[in-house]
Protein backbone atom coordinates (compact mmCIF):
# COMPACT_ATOMS: atom_id res chain seq x y z
CA MET A 1 2.93 12.58 29.96
CA PHE A 2 2.99 13.93 33.58
CA ILE A 3 0.12 13.14 36.05
CA PHE A 4 0.47 15.60 39.40
CA VAL A 5 -1.68 15.10 42.85
CA PHE A 6 -2.32 18.17 44.71
CA ASN A 7 -2.59 18.42 47.96
CA HIS A 8 -2.87 22.00 50.22
CA LYS A 9 1.00 21.71 51.00
CA LYS A 10 2.90 20.40 48.20
CA CYS A 11 2.49 19.14 44.51
CA SER A 12 4.13 15.63 43.65
CA VAL A 13 4.58 13.55 40.57
CA ILE A 14 3.17 9.88 41.24
CA SER A 15 4.05 8.51 37.88
CA VAL A 16 5.07 9.05 34.19
CA VAL A 17 3.43 7.49 31.11
CA LYS A 18 5.40 7.86 28.18
CA LYS A 19 3.80 7.78 25.04
CA THR A 20 4.70 5.57 21.76
CA PRO A 21 4.22 7.50 18.66
CA PHE A 22 1.21 5.16 18.24
CA MET A 23 -0.36 6.82 20.88
CA LYS A 24 1.00 9.92 19.62
CA THR A 25 -0.85 10.06 16.46
CA LYS A 26 -4.90 10.26 15.77
CA SER A 27 -4.32 11.92 11.71
CA LEU A 28 -5.28 8.18 10.33
CA THR A 29 -7.02 6.74 12.61
CA GLU A 30 -9.68 10.16 12.99
CA LEU A 31 -9.17 9.67 9.20
CA LEU A 32 -10.18 5.98 8.44
CA ASN A 33 -12.03 5.39 11.48
CA ILE A 34 -10.21 2.74 12.54
CA GLU A 35 -8.21 1.40 15.89
CA TYR A 36 -4.74 1.58 14.89
CA PRO A 37 -3.17 3.91 12.07
CA ILE A 38 -2.21 1.08 9.53
CA ILE A 39 -3.46 0.59 6.01
CA MET A 40 -3.27 -3.17 4.69
CA ALA A 41 -1.45 -1.98 1.48
CA PRO A 42 -3.28 -3.16 -2.05
CA MET A 43 -0.69 -6.18 -3.57
CA PHE A 44 -1.50 -6.18 -6.64
CA LEU A 45 -3.32 -10.18 -7.18
CA VAL A 46 -1.65 -11.49 -3.35
CA THR A 47 -4.86 -9.46 -2.05
CA ASN A 48 -8.27 -11.35 -1.21
CA THR A 49 -11.46 -11.06 0.14
CA SER A 50 -10.39 -12.96 3.18
CA MET A 51 -7.39 -10.97 3.83
CA MET A 52 -8.93 -7.74 3.78
CA ILE A 53 -11.73 -9.42 6.23
CA GLU A 54 -9.05 -10.34 8.82
CA ALA A 55 -7.41 -7.53 9.09
CA ILE A 56 -10.11 -4.79 9.30
CA ASN A 57 -11.96 -7.26 11.99
CA SER A 58 -8.37 -6.24 13.45
CA GLY A 59 -8.64 -2.92 13.94
CA ILE A 60 -6.54 -1.44 11.34
CA ALA A 61 -7.99 -0.60 7.58
CA ALA A 62 -7.53 -2.72 4.39
CA ALA A 63 -7.31 -1.78 0.34
CA ILE A 64 -7.57 -4.01 -2.38
CA PRO A 65 -6.44 -3.56 -6.49
CA ALA A 66 -9.88 -3.31 -8.05
CA LEU A 67 -7.68 -4.86 -10.88
CA ASN A 68 -7.90 -8.06 -8.77
CA TYR A 69 -11.06 -8.73 -9.87
CA ARG A 70 -11.76 -9.72 -13.46
CA THR A 71 -15.68 -8.75 -13.89
CA ASP A 72 -17.62 -6.13 -12.04
CA GLU A 73 -19.86 -8.47 -10.60
CA GLU A 74 -17.06 -10.48 -8.70
CA PHE A 75 -15.78 -6.90 -8.08
CA ARG A 76 -19.26 -6.22 -6.71
CA HIS A 77 -19.80 -9.27 -4.67
CA ALA A 78 -16.87 -8.75 -3.04
CA ILE A 79 -17.32 -5.50 -1.42
CA LYS A 80 -20.79 -6.80 -0.20
CA GLU A 81 -18.94 -9.86 1.64
CA ILE A 82 -16.43 -7.36 3.26
CA ARG A 83 -19.27 -5.33 4.32
CA GLN A 84 -20.88 -8.34 5.53
CA LYS A 85 -18.47 -9.67 7.59
CA THR A 86 -17.07 -6.69 9.05
CA PRO A 87 -20.01 -5.16 10.85
CA GLY A 88 -20.04 -1.98 12.74
CA LYS A 89 -16.05 -1.90 11.15
CA LYS A 90 -14.73 0.80 8.87
CA GLY A 91 -11.70 1.22 6.60
CA LEU A 92 -12.77 -0.67 3.43
CA GLY A 93 -10.66 0.60 0.60
CA ILE A 94 -10.13 -0.08 -3.13
CA ASN A 95 -7.10 0.81 -5.21
CA LEU A 96 -7.32 2.30 -8.33
CA ILE A 97 -4.95 2.11 -11.13
CA VAL A 98 -5.46 5.99 -12.49
CA ASN A 99 -3.37 6.00 -15.65
CA LYS A 100 -4.63 5.11 -19.40
CA SER A 101 -3.34 1.64 -19.03
CA ASN A 102 -6.00 0.67 -16.91
CA VAL A 103 -9.40 0.75 -19.38
CA LYS A 104 -11.68 -0.37 -16.79
CA MET A 105 -10.72 2.28 -14.46
CA LYS A 106 -13.90 4.65 -14.93
CA HIS A 107 -16.31 1.64 -14.07
CA GLN A 108 -14.71 0.84 -11.10
CA LEU A 109 -14.72 4.12 -9.75
CA GLU A 110 -18.28 3.85 -10.36
CA THR A 111 -18.52 0.70 -8.64
CA CYS A 112 -17.10 2.21 -5.67
CA VAL A 113 -19.12 5.75 -5.65
CA GLU A 114 -22.02 3.24 -5.37
CA LEU A 115 -21.50 1.15 -3.16
CA LYS A 116 -19.91 3.44 -1.25
CA VAL A 117 -16.54 1.97 0.03
CA ASP A 118 -14.67 3.91 2.63
CA PHE A 119 -11.50 5.22 0.85
CA ILE A 120 -9.76 4.74 -2.32
CA ILE A 121 -6.47 4.71 -2.87
CA THR A 122 -4.94 6.54 -6.38
CA SER A 123 -1.94 5.00 -7.95
CA LEU A 124 0.17 6.34 -11.06
CA GLY A 125 -1.40 8.59 -12.79
CA SER A 126 -3.82 12.03 -11.77
CA PRO A 127 -6.60 11.17 -8.88
CA ALA A 128 -8.68 14.15 -10.45
CA GLU A 129 -11.58 12.84 -11.79
CA VAL A 130 -11.42 10.00 -8.77
CA ILE A 131 -11.61 13.04 -5.78
CA ALA A 132 -14.15 14.99 -8.12
CA ALA A 133 -16.59 11.55 -7.87
CA CYS A 134 -15.92 10.84 -4.31
CA LYS A 135 -15.82 14.11 -2.40
CA PRO A 136 -19.66 14.74 -2.73
CA MET A 137 -19.91 10.84 -1.56
CA GLY A 138 -17.59 11.60 1.65
CA ILE A 139 -15.59 8.73 0.21
CA LYS A 140 -11.98 9.68 1.54
CA VAL A 141 -9.22 9.49 -1.04
CA LEU A 142 -5.57 9.08 -0.75
CA CYS A 143 -3.15 9.57 -3.44
CA ASP A 144 -0.01 7.32 -3.95
CA VAL A 145 3.19 10.22 -3.81
CA VAL A 146 6.78 10.03 -4.46
CA GLU A 147 8.12 13.43 -4.36
CA GLU A 148 6.51 16.57 -2.96
CA LYS A 149 5.50 18.31 -6.30
CA TYR A 150 3.49 15.09 -6.20
CA ALA A 151 1.67 15.48 -2.85
CA VAL A 152 1.17 19.12 -3.65
CA LYS A 153 -0.61 19.11 -6.72
CA VAL A 154 -3.09 16.31 -5.46
CA GLU A 155 -3.88 18.46 -1.92
CA ALA A 156 -4.33 21.26 -4.28
CA LEU A 157 -7.48 19.33 -5.90
CA GLY A 158 -8.54 17.95 -2.84
CA ALA A 159 -7.09 14.98 -1.34
CA ASP A 160 -7.61 13.53 2.04
CA ALA A 161 -4.01 12.20 2.35
CA VAL A 162 -1.07 11.35 0.54
CA ILE A 163 0.48 7.61 0.77
CA ALA A 164 4.85 8.82 0.63
CA VAL A 165 6.00 5.57 -1.02
CA ASN A 166 9.46 5.33 -0.65
CA ARG A 167 12.11 3.27 -1.76
CA ASN A 168 11.56 0.60 0.77
CA ALA A 169 7.81 0.03 -0.50
CA GLY A 170 7.12 -2.81 -2.14
CA GLY A 171 5.95 -3.21 -5.95
CA HIS A 172 6.14 0.28 -7.67
CA ALA A 173 8.68 1.96 -5.37
CA GLY A 174 9.92 5.67 -4.86
CA ASN A 175 13.24 6.87 -4.74
CA LEU A 176 13.66 8.77 -1.95
CA THR A 177 14.50 7.11 1.57
CA PRO A 178 11.61 7.95 4.19
CA GLU A 179 14.19 9.54 6.88
CA VAL A 180 13.97 12.39 3.36
CA LEU A 181 10.43 11.92 2.21
CA ILE A 182 8.70 12.40 5.47
CA PRO A 183 9.80 15.44 6.21
CA LEU A 184 9.46 16.72 3.52
CA LEU A 185 5.94 16.51 2.65
CA LYS A 186 4.55 17.20 6.57
CA LYS A 187 6.80 20.93 5.30
CA HIS A 188 4.63 21.36 2.12
CA CYS A 189 1.74 19.36 2.76
CA THR A 190 -1.30 19.95 5.19
CA ILE A 191 -3.06 16.77 5.01
CA PRO A 192 -1.76 14.01 6.80
CA VAL A 193 1.02 11.72 5.48
CA ILE A 194 0.35 8.10 5.25
CA SER A 195 4.11 6.42 4.78
CA ALA A 196 4.47 3.28 2.75
CA GLY A 197 7.69 1.02 2.58
CA GLY A 198 9.98 -0.83 5.18
CA VAL A 199 7.94 -1.30 7.84
CA GLY A 200 7.84 -4.77 8.66
CA THR A 201 8.10 -4.79 13.07
CA LYS A 202 6.08 -2.22 15.58
CA ASN A 203 9.76 -0.80 16.11
CA GLU A 204 10.24 -0.38 12.50
CA GLY A 205 6.72 1.35 12.47
CA ASP A 206 7.33 3.78 15.59
CA TYR A 207 10.95 4.97 13.87
CA ILE A 208 8.69 5.53 10.83
CA MET A 209 6.06 7.53 13.72
CA SER A 210 8.81 9.45 14.88
CA LEU A 211 9.96 10.85 11.64
CA GLY A 212 6.40 12.59 11.48
CA ALA A 213 4.40 10.12 9.84
CA ASP A 214 0.42 10.18 9.90
CA GLY A 215 0.38 6.92 9.70
CA LEU A 216 1.51 3.36 7.86
CA SER A 217 0.82 1.42 4.84
CA ILE A 218 2.07 -2.40 4.75
CA GLY A 219 2.03 -4.85 2.26
CA SER A 220 5.07 -7.33 2.27
CA PRO A 221 4.59 -8.61 5.81
CA PHE A 222 1.15 -10.26 4.55
CA ILE A 223 1.90 -12.06 1.15
CA ALA A 224 3.12 -15.03 3.65
CA SER A 225 -0.20 -15.33 5.28
CA THR A 226 -2.26 -17.87 5.26
CA GLU A 227 -5.43 -16.08 4.21
CA ALA A 228 -3.38 -15.47 0.63
CA GLU A 229 -4.40 -17.55 -2.13
CA ILE A 230 -1.08 -17.21 -4.01
CA SER A 231 1.03 -20.24 -4.55
CA ASP A 232 3.17 -21.57 -1.70
CA GLU A 233 6.22 -21.21 -3.42
CA TYR A 234 5.28 -17.39 -3.53
CA LYS A 235 4.97 -17.55 0.30
CA GLN A 236 7.67 -19.47 1.14
CA ALA A 237 10.40 -17.51 -1.04
CA CYS A 238 9.20 -14.66 1.69
CA VAL A 239 10.40 -16.37 4.24
CA GLU A 240 13.33 -17.36 2.88
CA TYR A 241 14.80 -14.60 0.92
CA GLY A 242 15.83 -10.76 3.02
CA LYS A 243 16.11 -7.38 2.31
CA ASN A 244 19.16 -7.97 0.48
CA ASP A 245 17.80 -9.75 -1.86
CA ILE A 246 15.05 -6.99 -3.53
CA VAL A 247 15.82 -5.48 -6.09
CA LEU A 248 13.80 -2.46 -8.39
CA THR A 249 13.08 -3.64 -12.26
CA THR A 250 11.47 -1.20 -14.94
CA LYS A 251 10.65 -4.94 -17.09
CA ILE A 252 7.17 -5.10 -15.60
CA SER A 253 5.60 -1.63 -15.68
CA GLY A 254 8.31 0.59 -17.44
CA THR A 255 8.00 2.04 -13.76
CA PRO A 256 10.73 0.58 -11.21
CA CYS A 257 9.01 -1.69 -9.54
CA SER A 258 10.61 -4.22 -6.31
CA VAL A 259 11.24 -7.91 -6.97
CA ILE A 260 12.82 -10.58 -5.07
CA ASN A 261 15.63 -11.26 -6.73
CA THR A 262 15.27 -14.97 -7.99
CA PRO A 263 17.51 -16.91 -10.30
CA TYR A 264 15.19 -15.89 -12.82
CA VAL A 265 15.18 -12.52 -12.49
CA GLN A 266 19.29 -12.12 -12.83
CA SER A 267 18.88 -14.39 -15.70
CA ILE A 268 16.43 -11.60 -17.03
CA GLY A 269 18.11 -8.64 -16.13
CA THR A 270 16.18 -5.56 -14.27
CA LYS A 271 16.45 -3.18 -16.89
CA GLN A 272 14.54 -2.70 -20.47
CA ASN A 273 15.85 -3.83 -23.50
CA TRP A 274 17.16 -0.54 -25.77
CA LEU A 275 14.45 -1.02 -28.15
CA GLU A 276 11.82 -0.69 -25.05
CA SER A 277 13.55 1.97 -23.33
CA VAL A 278 13.40 4.10 -27.15
CA LEU A 279 10.02 3.82 -28.04
CA SER A 280 8.87 4.44 -24.30
CA LYS A 281 10.46 7.68 -24.82
CA ASN A 282 8.55 8.53 -28.50
CA LYS A 283 5.64 10.89 -27.65
CA ARG A 284 2.97 9.14 -30.24
CA LEU A 285 4.00 6.22 -29.27
CA LYS A 286 4.59 5.82 -25.61
CA LYS A 287 1.37 5.43 -24.29
CA TRP A 288 0.71 1.90 -26.23
CA ILE A 289 4.34 1.15 -25.15
CA LYS A 290 4.20 1.59 -21.62
CA MET A 291 0.35 -0.48 -22.06
CA PHE A 292 1.45 -3.49 -23.40
CA THR A 293 4.99 -3.40 -20.74
CA PHE A 294 2.29 -3.22 -18.39
CA LEU A 295 -0.04 -6.34 -19.56
CA LYS A 296 2.59 -8.45 -20.48
CA GLY A 297 4.53 -7.52 -17.14
CA MET A 298 1.17 -8.27 -15.50
CA LYS A 299 0.97 -11.38 -17.22
CA ALA A 300 4.15 -12.69 -16.51
CA ILE A 301 3.79 -11.65 -12.55
CA ASN A 302 0.03 -13.39 -12.69
CA LYS A 303 1.50 -16.73 -13.73
CA ALA A 304 4.54 -16.53 -11.15
CA ALA A 305 1.79 -16.01 -8.35
CA PHE A 306 -0.35 -18.95 -9.01
CA THR A 307 1.50 -21.74 -9.85
CA ASN A 308 4.78 -23.35 -10.29
CA THR A 309 6.76 -21.57 -12.33
CA TYR A 310 10.53 -21.59 -13.06
CA LYS A 311 9.62 -18.14 -14.04
CA THR A 312 9.69 -16.62 -10.31
CA ILE A 313 8.69 -12.88 -10.46
CA TRP A 314 7.56 -12.20 -7.04
CA CYS A 315 6.46 -8.91 -5.83
CA ALA A 316 8.22 -7.86 -2.51
CA GLY A 317 9.56 -5.66 -0.58
CA PRO A 318 12.28 -5.37 1.58
CA SER A 319 10.25 -5.62 5.23
CA ILE A 320 9.92 -9.53 3.84
CA GLU A 321 13.29 -10.05 6.43
CA HIS A 322 10.76 -10.49 9.30
CA THR A 323 9.16 -12.75 7.63
CA LYS A 324 9.77 -15.81 9.38
CA SER A 325 6.71 -18.12 8.76
CA ILE A 326 3.76 -18.61 6.98
CA LEU A 327 0.94 -16.97 9.77
CA PRO A 328 -2.41 -15.54 10.01
CA VAL A 329 -3.30 -12.24 8.99
CA LYS A 330 -4.92 -11.71 12.51
CA GLN A 331 -1.01 -12.36 14.14
CA ILE A 332 0.66 -9.95 11.68
CA VAL A 333 -1.50 -7.57 12.55
CA GLU A 334 -0.91 -8.29 16.44
CA ARG A 335 3.21 -8.36 15.43
CA LEU A 336 3.22 -4.75 14.04
CA ILE A 337 0.60 -3.17 16.69
């Protein structure tokens, strides 16, 4: 931006201010009424109430999987506590798994609507029911997508934004690079496009924003936070391993999921066995096989996240490359902004 000074005889440039990508975009900050265009991404088992509070008080949004709470009572208590400890702040989000494997979804949605969370992120299914329930309440709905055909569909349903899950994302990842996916979605959508995957520093965030992203969803850098209540082994793994140690596995949920390539992961492989693969394609059985695979995988991840076990299945994305120590959430946010 050029700043001019005028007098009677001449016009002179006195200074030049270079805008960064974070300054250039306001889409996500306006959509969620937050200070910085970043969402601390929902991480199954990892994200907790303390992390949410610290992130929101640091000026970003944050979302937590509803499935991180075993009961509706615990879920309600958490939402109320976050509200109480982030006075005057916006950006409280909930992640809902909207496919049929999540039998709790309808009840979780009812709780979100009743307590008026700020936004919901939908994953792994159609967001139609969520959008219909949230629109009248002013609750924003952001939908995970991995390609343009899904982005076009959710926009037509009334989604407020899409989260472009690229192949560098932690957990369930997409197939496309951010360089391909972001411009593709910007071409086909009129709603904000939030990029998920591959950001662990401000420079990486600036680069992704320069591709046209309207905001960032960042998860893996927050795994090794002091507020996370996972095992020290999981946190330390995020410090010691890097981007070249991340692999995709279909053994957890049947959908490609990025994990740290520990010796245990190497020993069991990353592909479904032939029987699981065949049954997953059967029209009558695939729903139940996927549910069984999901439940079995979640049990394994849960054990690895909270106990000292040799069965080390730890979800993470390539952005752990920049995790050099275990830090408070506030300091991680400062590194990103």
